[in-house]
């Protein structure tokens, strides 16, 4: 298992950050590897919502929201076709008010396929996922603070503060 914890301080109040984060069918606006995203569950927020994401490599993944605390947190798990090499994944997001700013946290847990080979590849996979997550957090910060996606490669954005 690989566990990654990331956070970003955004310069907006918690309710504004939640408004952006809870638009779960628009995750493609701040996650660069997602070309399109939409909900297939008949609703686009709350417990048991299912989101489908078409990745830039044309793979498709489905994520089911297994926890929803309105205004504060949500968790989703990979439920449909998996990303190549990933057996199971879960991501828990939470928001915490910090004096007019908001600290957004992500705790992602990933289990690789391929048994012992997957375990051996774990440190390399952690490095790749960590790099991608740093870019995602920078893109998320831009999206939440500006109300629109960044136009360009997220890797060109400045690294973000993990504390408020």
C-alpha atoms as a PDB file:
ATOM      1  CA  UNK A   1       0.000   0.000   0.000  1.00  0.00           C
ATOM      2  CA  UNK A   2       1.098   3.529  -0.770  1.00  0.00           C
ATOM      3  CA  UNK A   3      -0.247   6.377   1.347  1.00  0.00           C
ATOM      4  CA  UNK A   4       0.282  10.005   0.397  1.00  0.00           C
ATOM      5  CA  UNK A   5      -0.761  12.996   2.442  1.00  0.00           C
ATOM      6  CA  UNK A   6      -0.902  16.400   0.790  1.00  0.00           C
ATOM      7  CA  UNK A   7      -2.339  19.755   1.733  1.00  0.00           C
ATOM      8  CA  UNK A   8      -2.688  23.213   0.290  1.00  0.00           C
ATOM      9  CA  UNK A   9      -3.593  26.552   1.829  1.00  0.00           C
ATOM     10  CA  UNK A  10      -6.025  28.510  -0.320  1.00  0.00           C
ATOM     11  CA  UNK A  11      -6.653  32.218   0.155  1.00  0.00           C
ATOM     12  CA  UNK A  12     -10.464  31.954   0.332  1.00  0.00           C
ATOM     13  CA  UNK A  13     -12.935  31.189   3.143  1.00  0.00           C
ATOM     14  CA  UNK A  14     -13.911  27.573   3.728  1.00  0.00           C
ATOM     15  CA  UNK A  15     -17.406  27.915   2.210  1.00  0.00           C
ATOM     16  CA  UNK A  16     -15.925  29.246  -1.040  1.00  0.00           C
ATOM     17  CA  UNK A  17     -13.358  26.429  -1.151  1.00  0.00           C
ATOM     18  CA  UNK A  18     -16.079  23.845  -0.453  1.00  0.00           C
ATOM     19  CA  UNK A  19     -18.219  25.268  -3.245  1.00  0.00           C
ATOM     20  CA  UNK A  20     -15.381  24.619  -5.715  1.00  0.00           C
ATOM     21  CA  UNK A  21     -14.350  21.232  -4.273  1.00  0.00           C
ATOM     22  CA  UNK A  22     -17.892  19.846  -4.096  1.00  0.00           C
ATOM     23  CA  UNK A  23     -18.419  20.367  -7.830  1.00  0.00           C
ATOM     24  CA  UNK A  24     -17.199  16.805  -8.178  1.00  0.00           C
ATOM     25  CA  UNK A  25     -18.316  16.446 -11.780  1.00  0.00           C
ATOM     26  CA  UNK A  26     -15.843  19.220 -12.688  1.00  0.00           C
ATOM     27  CA  UNK A  27     -12.676  17.635 -11.277  1.00  0.00           C
ATOM     28  CA  UNK A  28     -11.270  17.747 -14.817  1.00  0.00           C
ATOM     29  CA  UNK A  29     -10.964  21.520 -14.419  1.00  0.00           C
ATOM     30  CA  UNK A  30      -8.113  21.133 -11.919  1.00  0.00           C
ATOM     31  CA  UNK A  31      -6.699  17.610 -12.414  1.00  0.00           C
ATOM     32  CA  UNK A  32      -4.580  17.704 -15.539  1.00  0.00           C
ATOM     33  CA  UNK A  33      -4.664  13.964 -16.278  1.00  0.00           C
ATOM     34  CA  UNK A  34      -8.500  13.997 -16.441  1.00  0.00           C
ATOM     35  CA  UNK A  35      -9.843  15.048 -19.843  1.00  0.00           C
ATOM     36  CA  UNK A  36     -13.557  14.780 -18.939  1.00  0.00           C
ATOM     37  CA  UNK A  37     -15.523  14.033 -15.795  1.00  0.00           C
ATOM     38  CA  UNK A  38     -19.224  13.549 -15.138  1.00  0.00           C
ATOM     39  CA  UNK A  39     -21.508  11.803 -12.692  1.00  0.00           C
ATOM     40  CA  UNK A  40     -23.301   8.644 -13.788  1.00  0.00           C
ATOM     41  CA  UNK A  41     -25.336   8.076 -10.618  1.00  0.00           C
ATOM     42  CA  UNK A  42     -28.217  10.443 -11.359  1.00  0.00           C
ATOM     43  CA  UNK A  43     -26.908  12.994  -8.830  1.00  0.00           C
ATOM     44  CA  UNK A  44     -23.696  14.992  -8.668  1.00  0.00           C
ATOM     45  CA  UNK A  45     -23.041  15.274  -4.946  1.00  0.00           C
ATOM     46  CA  UNK A  46     -23.368  13.344  -1.741  1.00  0.00           C
ATOM     47  CA  UNK A  47     -23.012   9.794  -0.552  1.00  0.00           C
ATOM     48  CA  UNK A  48     -23.095   7.056  -3.224  1.00  0.00           C
ATOM     49  CA  UNK A  49     -22.480   9.481  -6.075  1.00  0.00           C
ATOM     50  CA  UNK A  50     -20.540   7.762  -8.853  1.00  0.00           C
ATOM     51  CA  UNK A  51     -18.211   9.833 -10.976  1.00  0.00           C
ATOM     52  CA  UNK A  52     -16.675   8.689 -14.236  1.00  0.00           C
ATOM     53  CA  UNK A  53     -13.420  10.234 -15.411  1.00  0.00           C
ATOM     54  CA  UNK A  54     -11.940   9.893 -18.878  1.00  0.00           C
ATOM     55  CA  UNK A  55      -8.185  10.279 -18.584  1.00  0.00           C
ATOM     56  CA  UNK A  56      -5.981  11.996 -21.132  1.00  0.00           C
ATOM     57  CA  UNK A  57      -4.764   8.556 -22.290  1.00  0.00           C
ATOM     58  CA  UNK A  58      -8.445   7.613 -22.966  1.00  0.00           C
ATOM     59  CA  UNK A  59      -8.639   5.173 -20.026  1.00  0.00           C
ATOM     60  CA  UNK A  60     -11.850   5.526 -18.032  1.00  0.00           C
ATOM     61  CA  UNK A  61     -12.163   5.188 -14.263  1.00  0.00           C
ATOM     62  CA  UNK A  62     -15.158   5.234 -11.953  1.00  0.00           C
ATOM     63  CA  UNK A  63     -15.137   6.554  -8.407  1.00  0.00           C
ATOM     64  CA  UNK A  64     -17.845   6.057  -5.793  1.00  0.00           C
ATOM     65  CA  UNK A  65     -18.248   8.577  -2.968  1.00  0.00           C
ATOM     66  CA  UNK A  66     -18.289   6.546   0.244  1.00  0.00           C
ATOM     67  CA  UNK A  67     -18.248   9.430   2.734  1.00  0.00           C
ATOM     68  CA  UNK A  68     -19.819  12.891   2.463  1.00  0.00           C
ATOM     69  CA  UNK A  69     -19.800  15.472   5.255  1.00  0.00           C
ATOM     70  CA  UNK A  70     -21.416  18.525   3.647  1.00  0.00           C
ATOM     71  CA  UNK A  71     -19.159  21.558   3.867  1.00  0.00           C
ATOM     72  CA  UNK A  72     -16.256  19.622   5.395  1.00  0.00           C
ATOM     73  CA  UNK A  73     -15.092  16.418   3.726  1.00  0.00           C
ATOM     74  CA  UNK A  74     -15.639  13.606   1.261  1.00  0.00           C
ATOM     75  CA  UNK A  75     -14.022  10.293   0.369  1.00  0.00           C
ATOM     76  CA  UNK A  76     -14.182   8.298  -2.838  1.00  0.00           C
ATOM     77  CA  UNK A  77     -12.929   4.891  -3.924  1.00  0.00           C
ATOM     78  CA  UNK A  78     -11.995   3.542  -7.295  1.00  0.00           C
ATOM     79  CA  UNK A  79     -14.864   1.193  -8.203  1.00  0.00           C
ATOM     80  CA  UNK A  80     -14.938   0.690 -11.947  1.00  0.00           C
ATOM     81  CA  UNK A  81     -12.159  -0.065 -14.360  1.00  0.00           C
ATOM     82  CA  UNK A  82      -8.852   0.723 -12.700  1.00  0.00           C
ATOM     83  CA  UNK A  83      -5.963   2.810 -13.854  1.00  0.00           C
ATOM     84  CA  UNK A  84      -3.248   0.570 -15.263  1.00  0.00           C
ATOM     85  CA  UNK A  85      -1.252  -0.983 -12.457  1.00  0.00           C
ATOM     86  CA  UNK A  86      -3.613   0.094  -9.668  1.00  0.00           C
ATOM     87  CA  UNK A  87      -5.643  -2.575  -7.899  1.00  0.00           C
ATOM     88  CA  UNK A  88      -7.503  -0.309  -5.456  1.00  0.00           C
ATOM     89  CA  UNK A  89      -7.439   3.364  -4.509  1.00  0.00           C
ATOM     90  CA  UNK A  90      -9.155   5.710  -2.090  1.00  0.00           C
ATOM     91  CA  UNK A  91      -8.845   9.457  -1.608  1.00  0.00           C
ATOM     92  CA  UNK A  92     -10.167  11.366   1.412  1.00  0.00           C
ATOM     93  CA  UNK A  93     -10.413  15.153   1.135  1.00  0.00           C
ATOM     94  CA  UNK A  94     -11.098  17.522   4.033  1.00  0.00           C
ATOM     95  CA  UNK A  95     -11.317  21.280   4.487  1.00  0.00           C
ATOM     96  CA  UNK A  96     -10.417  23.258   7.598  1.00  0.00           C
ATOM     97  CA  UNK A  97     -11.036  26.966   8.171  1.00  0.00           C
ATOM     98  CA  UNK A  98      -7.850  28.875   8.965  1.00  0.00           C
ATOM     99  CA  UNK A  99      -8.616  32.538   9.698  1.00  0.00           C
ATOM    100  CA  UNK A 100     -10.228  33.532   6.397  1.00  0.00           C
ATOM    101  CA  UNK A 101      -8.175  30.964   4.506  1.00  0.00           C
ATOM    102  CA  UNK A 102      -8.773  27.236   4.061  1.00  0.00           C
ATOM    103  CA  UNK A 103      -6.469  24.271   4.489  1.00  0.00           C
ATOM    104  CA  UNK A 104      -7.431  21.521   2.045  1.00  0.00           C
ATOM    105  CA  UNK A 105      -6.053  18.063   2.835  1.00  0.00           C
ATOM    106  CA  UNK A 106      -5.900  14.904   0.769  1.00  0.00           C
ATOM    107  CA  UNK A 107      -4.999  11.437   2.037  1.00  0.00           C
ATOM    108  CA  UNK A 108      -4.691   8.992  -0.852  1.00  0.00           C
ATOM    109  CA  UNK A 109      -4.190   5.265  -0.367  1.00  0.00           C
ATOM    110  CA  UNK A 110      -3.237   3.136  -3.348  1.00  0.00           C
ATOM    111  CA  UNK A 111      -2.687  -0.593  -3.726  1.00  0.00           C
ATOM    112  CA  UNK A 112      -0.721  -1.656  -6.781  1.00  0.00           C
ATOM    113  CA  UNK A 113      -1.361  -4.790  -8.807  1.00  0.00           C
ATOM    114  CA  UNK A 114       1.254  -7.489  -9.461  1.00  0.00           C
ATOM    115  CA  UNK A 115       1.817  -8.785  -5.917  1.00  0.00           C
ATOM    116  CA  UNK A 116       5.487  -8.744  -4.947  1.00  0.00           C
ATOM    117  CA  UNK A 117       6.462  -6.900  -8.122  1.00  0.00           C
ATOM    118  CA  UNK A 118       3.905  -4.201  -7.260  1.00  0.00           C
ATOM    119  CA  UNK A 119       5.403  -3.947  -3.767  1.00  0.00           C
ATOM    120  CA  UNK A 120       8.880  -3.605  -5.226  1.00  0.00           C
ATOM    121  CA  UNK A 121       7.654  -0.849  -7.553  1.00  0.00           C
ATOM    122  CA  UNK A 122       6.017   0.970  -4.630  1.00  0.00           C
ATOM    123  CA  UNK A 123       8.797   3.546  -3.991  1.00  0.00           C
ATOM    124  CA  UNK A 124       8.970   4.468  -7.693  1.00  0.00           C
ATOM    125  CA  UNK A 125       5.162   4.724  -7.890  1.00  0.00           C
ATOM    126  CA  UNK A 126       5.137   6.876  -4.723  1.00  0.00           C
ATOM    127  CA  UNK A 127       7.620   9.268  -6.357  1.00  0.00           C
ATOM    128  CA  UNK A 128       5.502   9.579  -9.524  1.00  0.00           C
ATOM    129  CA  UNK A 129       2.222   9.963  -7.617  1.00  0.00           C
ATOM    130  CA  UNK A 130       3.782  12.559  -5.277  1.00  0.00           C
ATOM    131  CA  UNK A 131       5.040  14.644  -8.192  1.00  0.00           C
ATOM    132  CA  UNK A 132       1.634  14.494  -9.877  1.00  0.00           C
ATOM    133  CA  UNK A 133      -0.136  15.351  -6.625  1.00  0.00           C
ATOM    134  CA  UNK A 134       2.074  18.421  -6.088  1.00  0.00           C
ATOM    135  CA  UNK A 135       1.021  19.629  -9.544  1.00  0.00           C
ATOM    136  CA  UNK A 136      -2.622  18.833  -8.769  1.00  0.00           C
ATOM    137  CA  UNK A 137      -2.517  20.810  -5.512  1.00  0.00           C
ATOM    138  CA  UNK A 138      -1.067  23.827  -7.334  1.00  0.00           C
ATOM    139  CA  UNK A 139      -3.789  23.556  -9.959  1.00  0.00           C
ATOM    140  CA  UNK A 140      -6.469  23.154  -7.270  1.00  0.00           C
ATOM    141  CA  UNK A 141      -5.223  26.300  -5.498  1.00  0.00           C
ATOM    142  CA  UNK A 142      -5.430  28.267  -8.742  1.00  0.00           C
ATOM    143  CA  UNK A 143      -8.914  26.916  -9.502  1.00  0.00           C
ATOM    144  CA  UNK A 144     -10.328  27.620  -6.022  1.00  0.00           C
ATOM    145  CA  UNK A 145      -8.832  31.106  -5.777  1.00  0.00           C
ATOM    146  CA  UNK A 146      -9.639  32.234  -9.318  1.00  0.00           C
ATOM    147  CA  UNK A 147     -12.891  30.375 -10.028  1.00  0.00           C
ATOM    148  CA  UNK A 148     -11.540  29.044 -13.299  1.00  0.00           C
ATOM    149  CA  UNK A 149      -9.006  26.452 -14.432  1.00  0.00           C
ATOM    150  CA  UNK A 150      -5.373  27.302 -15.042  1.00  0.00           C
ATOM    151  CA  UNK A 151      -4.602  27.547 -18.752  1.00  0.00           C
ATOM    152  CA  UNK A 152      -1.306  25.786 -19.117  1.00  0.00           C
ATOM    153  CA  UNK A 153       0.660  22.926 -17.609  1.00  0.00           C
ATOM    154  CA  UNK A 154       0.129  22.606 -13.870  1.00  0.00           C
ATOM    155  CA  UNK A 155       3.840  21.851 -13.499  1.00  0.00           C
ATOM    156  CA  UNK A 156       4.537  25.512 -14.393  1.00  0.00           C
ATOM    157  CA  UNK A 157       2.541  26.791 -11.413  1.00  0.00           C
ATOM    158  CA  UNK A 158       4.480  27.779  -8.289  1.00  0.00           C
ATOM    159  CA  UNK A 159       4.683  25.125  -5.569  1.00  0.00           C
ATOM    160  CA  UNK A 160       2.066  25.688  -2.900  1.00  0.00           C
ATOM    161  CA  UNK A 161       2.183  26.078   0.861  1.00  0.00           C
ATOM    162  CA  UNK A 162       1.007  23.018   2.766  1.00  0.00           C
ATOM    163  CA  UNK A 163       0.137  25.108   5.850  1.00  0.00           C
ATOM    164  CA  UNK A 164      -1.930  28.232   6.488  1.00  0.00           C
END
